[in-house]
């Protein structure tokens, strides 16, 4: 009887961007968590791809090459809401909006009046 996939992949290593060799299932688990967070954050779909290539090697051994990648969903690009002036400039505030001068009012503490005590 054949072993489950995760048991067959325990000896397979993948090279990270830093040049480290890590177990493929550890890297896949980390990428899977990253994908879950991105999907939850953007509320859009993403994919995880596990690619395993096997070819014969010398002395009856098999050369196994693995790769794991994710396609994260993308959110909307950051944008600023700005208003155009007749001169072709941009402003952060709507020039048609009236400005109101606000002043801070501090209320003095006063004792409550007790009635019928």
PDB file of N, CA and C in Angstrom:
ATOM      1  N   UNK A   1       0.844  -1.184   0.000  1.00  0.00           N
ATOM      2  CA  UNK A   1       0.000   0.000   0.000  1.00  0.00           C
ATOM      3  C   UNK A   1       0.887   1.244   0.000  1.00  0.00           C
ATOM      4  N   UNK A   2       0.530   2.239  -0.807  1.00  0.00           N
ATOM      5  CA  UNK A   2       1.348   3.449  -0.897  1.00  0.00           C
ATOM      6  C   UNK A   2       1.104   4.356   0.310  1.00  0.00           C
ATOM      7  N   UNK A   3       2.109   5.164   0.608  1.00  0.00           N
ATOM      8  CA  UNK A   3       2.017   6.107   1.732  1.00  0.00           C
ATOM      9  C   UNK A   3       1.201   7.332   1.312  1.00  0.00           C
ATOM     10  N   UNK A   4       0.650   8.065   2.281  1.00  0.00           N
ATOM     11  CA  UNK A   4      -0.011   9.339   1.971  1.00  0.00           C
ATOM     12  C   UNK A   4       1.016  10.337   1.410  1.00  0.00           C
ATOM     13  N   UNK A   5       0.538  11.298   0.662  1.00  0.00           N
ATOM     14  CA  UNK A   5       1.401  12.273   0.005  1.00  0.00           C
ATOM     15  C   UNK A   5       2.333  12.983   0.982  1.00  0.00           C
ATOM     16  N   UNK A   6       1.799  13.423   2.115  1.00  0.00           N
ATOM     17  CA  UNK A   6       2.636  14.160   3.070  1.00  0.00           C
ATOM     18  C   UNK A   6       3.785  13.305   3.599  1.00  0.00           C
ATOM     19  N   UNK A   7       3.603  11.997   3.739  1.00  0.00           N
ATOM     20  CA  UNK A   7       4.687  11.128   4.191  1.00  0.00           C
ATOM     21  C   UNK A   7       5.731  10.939   3.091  1.00  0.00           C
ATOM     22  N   UNK A   8       5.304  10.849   1.844  1.00  0.00           N
ATOM     23  CA  UNK A   8       6.241  10.716   0.740  1.00  0.00           C
ATOM     24  C   UNK A   8       7.070  11.982   0.540  1.00  0.00           C
ATOM     25  N   UNK A   9       6.539  13.111   0.929  1.00  0.00           N
ATOM     26  CA  UNK A   9       7.240  14.384   0.714  1.00  0.00           C
ATOM     27  C   UNK A   9       8.114  14.816   1.890  1.00  0.00           C
ATOM     28  N   UNK A  10       8.213  14.000   2.936  1.00  0.00           N
ATOM     29  CA  UNK A  10       8.980  14.420   4.116  1.00  0.00           C
ATOM     30  C   UNK A  10      10.456  14.646   3.811  1.00  0.00           C
ATOM     31  N   UNK A  11      11.030  13.947   2.859  1.00  0.00           N
ATOM     32  CA  UNK A  11      12.452  14.113   2.536  1.00  0.00           C
ATOM     33  C   UNK A  11      12.701  15.125   1.426  1.00  0.00           C
ATOM     34  N   UNK A  12      11.652  15.626   0.804  1.00  0.00           N
ATOM     35  CA  UNK A  12      11.805  16.575  -0.304  1.00  0.00           C
ATOM     36  C   UNK A  12      12.073  17.960   0.266  1.00  0.00           C
ATOM     37  N   UNK A  13      13.105  18.595  -0.253  1.00  0.00           N
ATOM     38  CA  UNK A  13      13.489  19.940   0.188  1.00  0.00           C
ATOM     39  C   UNK A  13      13.310  20.915  -0.963  1.00  0.00           C
ATOM     40  N   UNK A  14      13.071  22.146  -0.613  1.00  0.00           N
ATOM     41  CA  UNK A  14      12.946  23.216  -1.599  1.00  0.00           C
ATOM     42  C   UNK A  14      13.852  24.359  -1.162  1.00  0.00           C
ATOM     43  N   UNK A  15      14.449  25.024  -2.139  1.00  0.00           N
ATOM     44  CA  UNK A  15      15.358  26.134  -1.831  1.00  0.00           C
ATOM     45  C   UNK A  15      14.557  27.424  -1.731  1.00  0.00           C
ATOM     46  N   UNK A  16      14.775  28.146  -0.646  1.00  0.00           N
ATOM     47  CA  UNK A  16      14.078  29.414  -0.447  1.00  0.00           C
ATOM     48  C   UNK A  16      14.846  30.536  -1.138  1.00  0.00           C
ATOM     49  N   UNK A  17      14.268  31.739  -1.107  1.00  0.00           N
ATOM     50  CA  UNK A  17      14.936  32.908  -1.687  1.00  0.00           C
ATOM     51  C   UNK A  17      16.266  33.188  -1.006  1.00  0.00           C
ATOM     52  N   UNK A  18      16.393  32.799   0.268  1.00  0.00           N
ATOM     53  CA  UNK A  18      17.627  33.019   1.025  1.00  0.00           C
ATOM     54  C   UNK A  18      18.670  31.945   0.767  1.00  0.00           C
ATOM     55  N   UNK A  19      18.330  30.920  -0.012  1.00  0.00           N
ATOM     56  CA  UNK A  19      19.265  29.850  -0.299  1.00  0.00           C
ATOM     57  C   UNK A  19      19.204  28.700   0.694  1.00  0.00           C
ATOM     58  N   UNK A  20      18.271  28.757   1.631  1.00  0.00           N
ATOM     59  CA  UNK A  20      18.112  27.673   2.607  1.00  0.00           C
ATOM     60  C   UNK A  20      17.330  26.526   1.973  1.00  0.00           C
ATOM     61  N   UNK A  21      17.636  25.302   2.404  1.00  0.00           N
ATOM     62  CA  UNK A  21      16.860  24.133   1.985  1.00  0.00           C
ATOM     63  C   UNK A  21      15.919  23.752   3.110  1.00  0.00           C
ATOM     64  N   UNK A  22      14.627  23.863   2.846  1.00  0.00           N
ATOM     65  CA  UNK A  22      13.614  23.585   3.859  1.00  0.00           C
ATOM     66  C   UNK A  22      12.670  22.495   3.361  1.00  0.00           C
ATOM     67  N   UNK A  23      12.065  21.750   4.277  1.00  0.00           N
ATOM     68  CA  UNK A  23      11.087  20.745   3.861  1.00  0.00           C
ATOM     69  C   UNK A  23       9.938  21.399   3.078  1.00  0.00           C
ATOM     70  N   UNK A  24       9.567  20.761   1.983  1.00  0.00           N
ATOM     71  CA  UNK A  24       8.542  21.324   1.108  1.00  0.00           C
ATOM     72  C   UNK A  24       7.220  21.538   1.838  1.00  0.00           C
ATOM     73  N   UNK A  25       6.881  20.638   2.757  1.00  0.00           N
ATOM     74  CA  UNK A  25       5.607  20.783   3.458  1.00  0.00           C
ATOM     75  C   UNK A  25       5.627  21.972   4.417  1.00  0.00           C
ATOM     76  N   UNK A  26       6.798  22.302   4.978  1.00  0.00           N
ATOM     77  CA  UNK A  26       6.904  23.485   5.837  1.00  0.00           C
ATOM     78  C   UNK A  26       6.723  24.759   5.015  1.00  0.00           C
ATOM     79  N   UNK A  27       7.385  24.804   3.860  1.00  0.00           N
ATOM     80  CA  UNK A  27       7.271  25.977   2.981  1.00  0.00           C
ATOM     81  C   UNK A  27       5.837  26.109   2.486  1.00  0.00           C
ATOM     82  N   UNK A  28       5.226  24.985   2.094  1.00  0.00           N
ATOM     83  CA  UNK A  28       3.840  25.011   1.616  1.00  0.00           C
ATOM     84  C   UNK A  28       2.897  25.489   2.723  1.00  0.00           C
ATOM     85  N   UNK A  29       3.147  25.057   3.961  1.00  0.00           N
ATOM     86  CA  UNK A  29       2.310  25.487   5.081  1.00  0.00           C
ATOM     87  C   UNK A  29       2.404  26.980   5.324  1.00  0.00           C
ATOM     88  N   UNK A  30       3.619  27.527   5.232  1.00  0.00           N
ATOM     89  CA  UNK A  30       3.819  28.965   5.415  1.00  0.00           C
ATOM     90  C   UNK A  30       3.129  29.750   4.304  1.00  0.00           C
ATOM     91  N   UNK A  31       3.299  29.298   3.068  1.00  0.00           N
ATOM     92  CA  UNK A  31       2.664  29.978   1.933  1.00  0.00           C
ATOM     93  C   UNK A  31       1.139  29.862   2.008  1.00  0.00           C
ATOM     94  N   UNK A  32       0.649  28.726   2.486  1.00  0.00           N
ATOM     95  CA  UNK A  32      -0.791  28.525   2.631  1.00  0.00           C
ATOM     96  C   UNK A  32      -1.370  29.520   3.634  1.00  0.00           C
ATOM     97  N   UNK A  33      -0.684  29.714   4.754  1.00  0.00           N
ATOM     98  CA  UNK A  33      -1.142  30.699   5.754  1.00  0.00           C
ATOM     99  C   UNK A  33      -1.133  32.105   5.170  1.00  0.00           C
ATOM    100  N   UNK A  34      -0.097  32.424   4.396  1.00  0.00           N
ATOM    101  CA  UNK A  34      -0.007  33.738   3.753  1.00  0.00           C
ATOM    102  C   UNK A  34      -1.185  33.939   2.792  1.00  0.00           C
ATOM    103  N   UNK A  35      -1.517  32.889   2.053  1.00  0.00           N
ATOM    104  CA  UNK A  35      -2.637  32.953   1.121  1.00  0.00           C
ATOM    105  C   UNK A  35      -3.958  33.123   1.866  1.00  0.00           C
ATOM    106  N   UNK A  36      -4.147  32.390   2.944  1.00  0.00           N
ATOM    107  CA  UNK A  36      -5.383  32.501   3.730  1.00  0.00           C
ATOM    108  C   UNK A  36      -5.563  33.926   4.235  1.00  0.00           C
ATOM    109  N   UNK A  37      -4.504  34.529   4.748  1.00  0.00           N
ATOM    110  CA  UNK A  37      -4.588  35.904   5.239  1.00  0.00           C
ATOM    111  C   UNK A  37      -4.937  36.878   4.124  1.00  0.00           C
ATOM    112  N   UNK A  38      -4.339  36.692   2.938  1.00  0.00           N
ATOM    113  CA  UNK A  38      -4.619  37.589   1.817  1.00  0.00           C
ATOM    114  C   UNK A  38      -6.062  37.442   1.348  1.00  0.00           C
ATOM    115  N   UNK A  39      -6.555  36.218   1.253  1.00  0.00           N
ATOM    116  CA  UNK A  39      -7.937  35.984   0.818  1.00  0.00           C
ATOM    117  C   UNK A  39      -8.913  36.576   1.830  1.00  0.00           C
ATOM    118  N   UNK A  40      -8.644  36.386   3.107  1.00  0.00           N
ATOM    119  CA  UNK A  40      -9.517  36.947   4.145  1.00  0.00           C
ATOM    120  C   UNK A  40      -9.480  38.471   4.122  1.00  0.00           C
ATOM    121  N   UNK A  41      -8.322  39.036   3.857  1.00  0.00           N
ATOM    122  CA  UNK A  41      -8.164  40.481   3.857  1.00  0.00           C
ATOM    123  C   UNK A  41      -8.865  41.145   2.667  1.00  0.00           C
ATOM    124  N   UNK A  42      -8.676  40.575   1.464  1.00  0.00           N
ATOM    125  CA  UNK A  42      -9.224  41.200   0.258  1.00  0.00           C
ATOM    126  C   UNK A  42     -10.574  40.639  -0.163  1.00  0.00           C
ATOM    127  N   UNK A  43     -11.016  39.538   0.472  1.00  0.00           N
ATOM    128  CA  UNK A  43     -12.285  38.903   0.112  1.00  0.00           C
ATOM    129  C   UNK A  43     -12.333  38.536  -1.372  1.00  0.00           C
ATOM    130  N   UNK A  44     -11.199  38.054  -1.881  1.00  0.00           N
ATOM    131  CA  UNK A  44     -11.096  37.583  -3.259  1.00  0.00           C
ATOM    132  C   UNK A  44     -10.339  36.265  -3.249  1.00  0.00           C
ATOM    133  N   UNK A  45     -10.479  35.498  -4.331  1.00  0.00           N
ATOM    134  CA  UNK A  45      -9.874  34.171  -4.415  1.00  0.00           C
ATOM    135  C   UNK A  45      -8.375  34.237  -4.700  1.00  0.00           C
ATOM    136  N   UNK A  46      -7.685  33.191  -4.293  1.00  0.00           N
ATOM    137  CA  UNK A  46      -6.263  33.027  -4.575  1.00  0.00           C
ATOM    138  C   UNK A  46      -5.984  31.549  -4.759  1.00  0.00           C
ATOM    139  N   UNK A  47      -4.767  31.203  -5.156  1.00  0.00           N
ATOM    140  CA  UNK A  47      -4.427  29.793  -5.369  1.00  0.00           C
ATOM    141  C   UNK A  47      -3.071  29.458  -4.772  1.00  0.00           C
ATOM    142  N   UNK A  48      -2.927  28.199  -4.396  1.00  0.00           N
ATOM    143  CA  UNK A  48      -1.652  27.639  -3.975  1.00  0.00           C
ATOM    144  C   UNK A  48      -1.337  26.510  -4.958  1.00  0.00           C
ATOM    145  N   UNK A  49      -0.129  26.529  -5.513  1.00  0.00           N
ATOM    146  CA  UNK A  49       0.274  25.511  -6.478  1.00  0.00           C
ATOM    147  C   UNK A  49       1.483  24.762  -5.935  1.00  0.00           C
ATOM    148  N   UNK A  50       1.365  23.452  -5.861  1.00  0.00           N
ATOM    149  CA  UNK A  50       2.457  22.579  -5.457  1.00  0.00           C
ATOM    150  C   UNK A  50       2.854  21.787  -6.691  1.00  0.00           C
ATOM    151  N   UNK A  51       4.081  22.013  -7.153  1.00  0.00           N
ATOM    152  CA  UNK A  51       4.556  21.371  -8.376  1.00  0.00           C
ATOM    153  C   UNK A  51       5.702  20.438  -8.021  1.00  0.00           C
ATOM    154  N   UNK A  52       5.582  19.170  -8.429  1.00  0.00           N
ATOM    155  CA  UNK A  52       6.609  18.173  -8.138  1.00  0.00           C
ATOM    156  C   UNK A  52       7.012  17.513  -9.450  1.00  0.00           C
ATOM    157  N   UNK A  53       8.287  17.603  -9.784  1.00  0.00           N
ATOM    158  CA  UNK A  53       8.814  16.976 -10.992  1.00  0.00           C
ATOM    159  C   UNK A  53       9.746  15.847 -10.567  1.00  0.00           C
ATOM    160  N   UNK A  54       9.581  14.677 -11.184  1.00  0.00           N
ATOM    161  CA  UNK A  54      10.404  13.509 -10.856  1.00  0.00           C
ATOM    162  C   UNK A  54      11.005  12.977 -12.145  1.00  0.00           C
ATOM    163  N   UNK A  55      12.313  12.717 -12.105  1.00  0.00           N
ATOM    164  CA  UNK A  55      12.966  12.115 -13.267  1.00  0.00           C
ATOM    165  C   UNK A  55      13.981  11.085 -12.782  1.00  0.00           C
ATOM    166  N   UNK A  56      14.287  10.108 -13.630  1.00  0.00           N
ATOM    167  CA  UNK A  56      15.282   9.113 -13.234  1.00  0.00           C
ATOM    168  C   UNK A  56      16.655   9.749 -13.111  1.00  0.00           C
ATOM    169  N   UNK A  57      17.431   9.258 -12.172  1.00  0.00           N
ATOM    170  CA  UNK A  57      18.784   9.744 -11.967  1.00  0.00           C
ATOM    171  C   UNK A  57      19.729   8.554 -12.041  1.00  0.00           C
ATOM    172  N   UNK A  58      20.894   8.701 -11.513  1.00  0.00           N
ATOM    173  CA  UNK A  58      21.886   7.632 -11.582  1.00  0.00           C
ATOM    174  C   UNK A  58      21.636   6.563 -10.532  1.00  0.00           C
ATOM    175  N   UNK A  59      22.095   5.385 -10.807  1.00  0.00           N
ATOM    176  CA  UNK A  59      22.077   4.247  -9.877  1.00  0.00           C
ATOM    177  C   UNK A  59      20.674   3.917  -9.369  1.00  0.00           C
ATOM    178  N   UNK A  60      19.659   4.150 -10.197  1.00  0.00           N
ATOM    179  CA  UNK A  60      18.306   3.783  -9.821  1.00  0.00           C
ATOM    180  C   UNK A  60      17.590   4.777  -8.929  1.00  0.00           C
ATOM    181  N   UNK A  61      18.244   5.865  -8.560  1.00  0.00           N
ATOM    182  CA  UNK A  61      17.606   6.891  -7.723  1.00  0.00           C
ATOM    183  C   UNK A  61      16.704   7.775  -8.588  1.00  0.00           C
ATOM    184  N   UNK A  62      15.860   8.521  -7.928  1.00  0.00           N
ATOM    185  CA  UNK A  62      14.987   9.473  -8.612  1.00  0.00           C
ATOM    186  C   UNK A  62      15.334  10.885  -8.169  1.00  0.00           C
ATOM    187  N   UNK A  63      15.405  11.789  -9.129  1.00  0.00           N
ATOM    188  CA  UNK A  63      15.634  13.202  -8.825  1.00  0.00           C
ATOM    189  C   UNK A  63      14.274  13.867  -8.684  1.00  0.00           C
ATOM    190  N   UNK A  64      14.014  14.405  -7.500  1.00  0.00           N
ATOM    191  CA  UNK A  64      12.719  15.032  -7.222  1.00  0.00           C
ATOM    192  C   UNK A  64      12.939  16.526  -7.027  1.00  0.00           C
ATOM    193  N   UNK A  65      12.234  17.298  -7.812  1.00  0.00           N
ATOM    194  CA  UNK A  65      12.300  18.750  -7.694  1.00  0.00           C
ATOM    195  C   UNK A  65      10.902  19.251  -7.372  1.00  0.00           C
ATOM    196  N   UNK A  66      10.814  20.062  -6.329  1.00  0.00           N
ATOM    197  CA  UNK A  66       9.504  20.565  -5.896  1.00  0.00           C
ATOM    198  C   UNK A  66       9.506  22.082  -5.872  1.00  0.00           C
ATOM    199  N   UNK A  67       8.335  22.639  -6.069  1.00  0.00           N
ATOM    200  CA  UNK A  67       8.170  24.087  -6.005  1.00  0.00           C
ATOM    201  C   UNK A  67       6.762  24.363  -5.483  1.00  0.00           C
ATOM    202  N   UNK A  68       6.657  25.380  -4.671  1.00  0.00           N
ATOM    203  CA  UNK A  68       5.354  25.797  -4.169  1.00  0.00           C
ATOM    204  C   UNK A  68       5.231  27.291  -4.398  1.00  0.00           C
ATOM    205  N   UNK A  69       4.085  27.699  -4.907  1.00  0.00           N
ATOM    206  CA  UNK A  69       3.872  29.123  -5.159  1.00  0.00           C
ATOM    207  C   UNK A  69       2.413  29.457  -4.858  1.00  0.00           C
ATOM    208  N   UNK A  70       2.188  30.726  -4.620  1.00  0.00           N
ATOM    209  CA  UNK A  70       0.820  31.187  -4.390  1.00  0.00           C
ATOM    210  C   UNK A  70       0.533  32.365  -5.305  1.00  0.00           C
ATOM    211  N   UNK A  71      -0.725  32.507  -5.632  1.00  0.00           N
ATOM    212  CA  UNK A  71      -1.213  33.675  -6.351  1.00  0.00           C
ATOM    213  C   UNK A  71      -2.188  34.358  -5.407  1.00  0.00           C
ATOM    214  N   UNK A  72      -1.708  35.460  -4.814  1.00  0.00           N
ATOM    215  CA  UNK A  72      -2.535  36.167  -3.839  1.00  0.00           C
ATOM    216  C   UNK A  72      -3.499  37.105  -4.558  1.00  0.00           C
ATOM    217  N   UNK A  73      -4.669  37.301  -3.977  1.00  0.00           N
ATOM    218  CA  UNK A  73      -5.589  38.282  -4.555  1.00  0.00           C
ATOM    219  C   UNK A  73      -5.024  39.682  -4.367  1.00  0.00           C
ATOM    220  N   UNK A  74      -5.401  40.529  -5.269  1.00  0.00           N
ATOM    221  CA  UNK A  74      -4.928  41.909  -5.181  1.00  0.00           C
ATOM    222  C   UNK A  74      -6.094  42.805  -4.816  1.00  0.00           C
ATOM    223  N   UNK A  75      -5.814  43.745  -3.959  1.00  0.00           N
ATOM    224  CA  UNK A  75      -6.823  44.725  -3.594  1.00  0.00           C
ATOM    225  C   UNK A  75      -6.776  45.882  -4.571  1.00  0.00           C
ATOM    226  N   UNK A  76      -7.577  46.839  -4.309  1.00  0.00           N
ATOM    227  CA  UNK A  76      -7.563  48.030  -5.143  1.00  0.00           C
ATOM    228  C   UNK A  76      -6.268  48.796  -4.909  1.00  0.00           C
ATOM    229  N   UNK A  77      -5.719  49.392  -5.945  1.00  0.00           N
ATOM    230  CA  UNK A  77      -4.509  50.179  -5.726  1.00  0.00           C
ATOM    231  C   UNK A  77      -4.829  51.391  -4.857  1.00  0.00           C
ATOM    232  N   UNK A  78      -3.867  51.824  -4.051  1.00  0.00           N
ATOM    233  CA  UNK A  78      -4.126  52.996  -3.208  1.00  0.00           C
ATOM    234  C   UNK A  78      -4.388  54.219  -4.080  1.00  0.00           C
ATOM    235  N   UNK A  79      -5.343  54.998  -3.659  1.00  0.00           N
ATOM    236  CA  UNK A  79      -5.660  56.198  -4.420  1.00  0.00           C
ATOM    237  C   UNK A  79      -6.008  57.337  -3.469  1.00  0.00           C
ATOM    238  N   UNK A  80      -5.859  58.539  -3.969  1.00  0.00           N
ATOM    239  CA  UNK A  80      -6.187  59.738  -3.203  1.00  0.00           C
ATOM    240  C   UNK A  80      -7.336  60.443  -3.895  1.00  0.00           C
ATOM    241  N   UNK A  81      -8.247  60.972  -3.111  1.00  0.00           N
ATOM    242  CA  UNK A  81      -9.330  61.779  -3.668  1.00  0.00           C
ATOM    243  C   UNK A  81      -8.894  63.230  -3.625  1.00  0.00           C
ATOM    244  N   UNK A  82      -8.762  63.814  -4.797  1.00  0.00           N
ATOM    245  CA  UNK A  82      -8.296  65.189  -4.918  1.00  0.00           C
ATOM    246  C   UNK A  82      -9.254  65.962  -5.817  1.00  0.00           C
ATOM    247  N   UNK A  83      -9.242  67.278  -5.707  1.00  0.00           N
ATOM    248  CA  UNK A  83     -10.102  68.132  -6.512  1.00  0.00           C
ATOM    249  C   UNK A  83      -9.244  68.957  -7.458  1.00  0.00           C
ATOM    250  N   UNK A  84      -9.759  69.126  -8.668  1.00  0.00           N
ATOM    251  CA  UNK A  84      -9.038  69.899  -9.682  1.00  0.00           C
ATOM    252  C   UNK A  84      -9.455  71.359  -9.624  1.00  0.00           C
ATOM    253  N   UNK A  85      -8.486  72.238  -9.845  1.00  0.00           N
ATOM    254  CA  UNK A  85      -8.764  73.667  -9.938  1.00  0.00           C
ATOM    255  C   UNK A  85      -8.865  74.034 -11.424  1.00  0.00           C
ATOM    256  N   UNK A  86      -9.457  75.183 -11.738  1.00  0.00           N
ATOM    257  CA  UNK A  86      -9.523  75.606 -13.144  1.00  0.00           C
ATOM    258  C   UNK A  86      -8.136  75.768 -13.780  1.00  0.00           C
ATOM    259  N   UNK A  87      -7.123  76.009 -12.946  1.00  0.00           N
ATOM    260  CA  UNK A  87      -5.762  76.175 -13.459  1.00  0.00           C
ATOM    261  C   UNK A  87      -5.064  74.837 -13.738  1.00  0.00           C
ATOM    262  N   UNK A  88      -5.729  73.729 -13.405  1.00  0.00           N
ATOM    263  CA  UNK A  88      -5.144  72.410 -13.641  1.00  0.00           C
ATOM    264  C   UNK A  88      -4.296  71.896 -12.488  1.00  0.00           C
ATOM    265  N   UNK A  89      -4.538  72.392 -11.287  1.00  0.00           N
ATOM    266  CA  UNK A  89      -3.816  71.918 -10.110  1.00  0.00           C
ATOM    267  C   UNK A  89      -4.725  70.998  -9.291  1.00  0.00           C
ATOM    268  N   UNK A  90      -4.118  70.261  -8.382  1.00  0.00           N
ATOM    269  CA  UNK A  90      -4.876  69.374  -7.506  1.00  0.00           C
ATOM    270  C   UNK A  90      -4.848  69.893  -6.082  1.00  0.00           C
ATOM    271  N   UNK A  91      -5.987  69.752  -5.404  1.00  0.00           N
ATOM    272  CA  UNK A  91      -6.104  70.177  -4.015  1.00  0.00           C
ATOM    273  C   UNK A  91      -6.639  69.015  -3.183  1.00  0.00           C
ATOM    274  N   UNK A  92      -6.198  68.941  -1.930  1.00  0.00           N
ATOM    275  CA  UNK A  92      -6.659  67.890  -1.029  1.00  0.00           C
ATOM    276  C   UNK A  92      -8.043  68.205  -0.461  1.00  0.00           C
ATOM    277  N   UNK A  93      -8.458  69.479  -0.518  1.00  0.00           N
ATOM    278  CA  UNK A  93      -9.763  69.888  -0.013  1.00  0.00           C
ATOM    279  C   UNK A  93     -10.589  70.473  -1.144  1.00  0.00           C
ATOM    280  N   UNK A  94     -11.895  70.222  -1.115  1.00  0.00           N
ATOM    281  CA  UNK A  94     -12.798  70.730  -2.146  1.00  0.00           C
ATOM    282  C   UNK A  94     -12.827  72.255  -2.071  1.00  0.00           C
ATOM    283  N   UNK A  95     -12.417  72.950  -3.130  1.00  0.00           N
ATOM    284  CA  UNK A  95     -12.383  74.420  -3.077  1.00  0.00           C
ATOM    285  C   UNK A  95     -13.782  75.046  -3.017  1.00  0.00           C
ATOM    286  N   UNK A  96     -14.818  74.291  -3.362  1.00  0.00           N
ATOM    287  CA  UNK A  96     -16.187  74.813  -3.309  1.00  0.00           C
ATOM    288  C   UNK A  96     -16.784  74.700  -1.915  1.00  0.00           C
ATOM    289  N   UNK A  97     -16.136  73.934  -1.052  1.00  0.00           N
ATOM    290  CA  UNK A  97     -16.648  73.715   0.297  1.00  0.00           C
ATOM    291  C   UNK A  97     -16.340  74.916   1.175  1.00  0.00           C
ATOM    292  N   UNK A  98     -17.358  75.421   1.862  1.00  0.00           N
ATOM    293  CA  UNK A  98     -17.142  76.541   2.774  1.00  0.00           C
ATOM    294  C   UNK A  98     -16.343  76.063   3.980  1.00  0.00           C
ATOM    295  N   UNK A  99     -15.481  76.933   4.452  1.00  0.00           N
ATOM    296  CA  UNK A  99     -14.700  76.602   5.635  1.00  0.00           C
ATOM    297  C   UNK A  99     -15.324  77.283   6.842  1.00  0.00           C
ATOM    298  N   UNK A 100     -15.483  76.523   7.890  1.00  0.00           N
ATOM    299  CA  UNK A 100     -16.067  77.041   9.121  1.00  0.00           C
ATOM    300  C   UNK A 100     -14.971  77.062  10.174  1.00  0.00           C
ATOM    301  N   UNK A 101     -14.841  78.195  10.795  1.00  0.00           N
ATOM    302  CA  UNK A 101     -13.849  78.290  11.859  1.00  0.00           C
ATOM    303  C   UNK A 101     -14.435  77.684  13.122  1.00  0.00           C
ATOM    304  N   UNK A 102     -13.780  76.693  13.645  1.00  0.00           N
ATOM    305  CA  UNK A 102     -14.244  76.031  14.851  1.00  0.00           C
ATOM    306  C   UNK A 102     -13.373  76.441  16.022  1.00  0.00           C
ATOM    307  N   UNK A 103     -14.022  76.650  17.142  1.00  0.00           N
ATOM    308  CA  UNK A 103     -13.267  76.956  18.357  1.00  0.00           C
ATOM    309  C   UNK A 103     -13.648  75.929  19.412  1.00  0.00           C
ATOM    310  N   UNK A 104     -12.694  75.576  20.212  1.00  0.00           N
ATOM    311  CA  UNK A 104     -12.920  74.590  21.265  1.00  0.00           C
ATOM    312  C   UNK A 104     -13.593  75.290  22.447  1.00  0.00           C
ATOM    313  N   UNK A 105     -14.652  74.686  22.919  1.00  0.00           N
ATOM    314  CA  UNK A 105     -15.370  75.220  24.077  1.00  0.00           C
ATOM    315  C   UNK A 105     -15.092  74.292  25.246  1.00  0.00           C
ATOM    316  N   UNK A 106     -14.609  74.879  26.312  1.00  0.00           N
ATOM    317  CA  UNK A 106     -14.374  74.087  27.523  1.00  0.00           C
ATOM    318  C   UNK A 106     -15.457  74.437  28.526  1.00  0.00           C
ATOM    319  N   UNK A 107     -16.075  73.423  29.009  1.00  0.00           N
ATOM    320  CA  UNK A 107     -17.163  73.631  29.964  1.00  0.00           C
ATOM    321  C   UNK A 107     -16.599  73.515  31.374  1.00  0.00           C
ATOM    322  N   UNK A 108     -16.951  74.470  32.200  1.00  0.00           N
ATOM    323  CA  UNK A 108     -16.473  74.438  33.572  1.00  0.00           C
ATOM    324  C   UNK A 108     -17.319  73.452  34.371  1.00  0.00           C
ATOM    325  N   UNK A 109     -16.634  72.773  35.275  1.00  0.00           N
ATOM    326  CA  UNK A 109     -17.346  71.838  36.134  1.00  0.00           C
ATOM    327  C   UNK A 109     -18.162  72.611  37.152  1.00  0.00           C
ATOM    328  N   UNK A 110     -19.369  72.145  37.391  1.00  0.00           N
ATOM    329  CA  UNK A 110     -20.175  72.773  38.437  1.00  0.00           C
ATOM    330  C   UNK A 110     -20.907  71.687  39.205  1.00  0.00           C
ATOM    331  N   UNK A 111     -21.195  71.971  40.422  1.00  0.00           N
ATOM    332  CA  UNK A 111     -21.843  70.984  41.299  1.00  0.00           C
ATOM    333  C   UNK A 111     -23.302  70.820  40.888  1.00  0.00           C
ATOM    334  N   UNK A 112     -23.796  69.601  41.001  1.00  0.00           N
ATOM    335  CA  UNK A 112     -25.194  69.324  40.685  1.00  0.00           C
ATOM    336  C   UNK A 112     -26.084  69.828  41.824  1.00  0.00           C
ATOM    337  N   UNK A 113     -27.211  70.350  41.433  1.00  0.00           N
ATOM    338  CA  UNK A 113     -28.163  70.834  42.435  1.00  0.00           C
ATOM    339  C   UNK A 113     -28.989  69.657  42.920  1.00  0.00           C
ATOM    340  N   UNK A 114     -29.097  69.525  44.230  1.00  0.00           N
ATOM    341  CA  UNK A 114     -29.873  68.435  44.822  1.00  0.00           C
ATOM    342  C   UNK A 114     -31.230  69.003  45.209  1.00  0.00           C
ATOM    343  N   UNK A 115     -32.300  68.390  44.717  1.00  0.00           N
ATOM    344  CA  UNK A 115     -33.660  68.860  44.983  1.00  0.00           C
ATOM    345  C   UNK A 115     -34.375  67.843  45.861  1.00  0.00           C
ATOM    346  N   UNK A 116     -35.078  68.327  46.873  1.00  0.00           N
ATOM    347  CA  UNK A 116     -35.896  67.491  47.754  1.00  0.00           C
ATOM    348  C   UNK A 116     -35.111  66.538  48.637  1.00  0.00           C
ATOM    349  N   UNK A 117     -33.960  66.932  49.053  1.00  0.00           N
ATOM    350  CA  UNK A 117     -33.176  66.060  49.915  1.00  0.00           C
ATOM    351  C   UNK A 117     -33.322  66.421  51.358  1.00  0.00           C
TER     352      UNK A 117
END
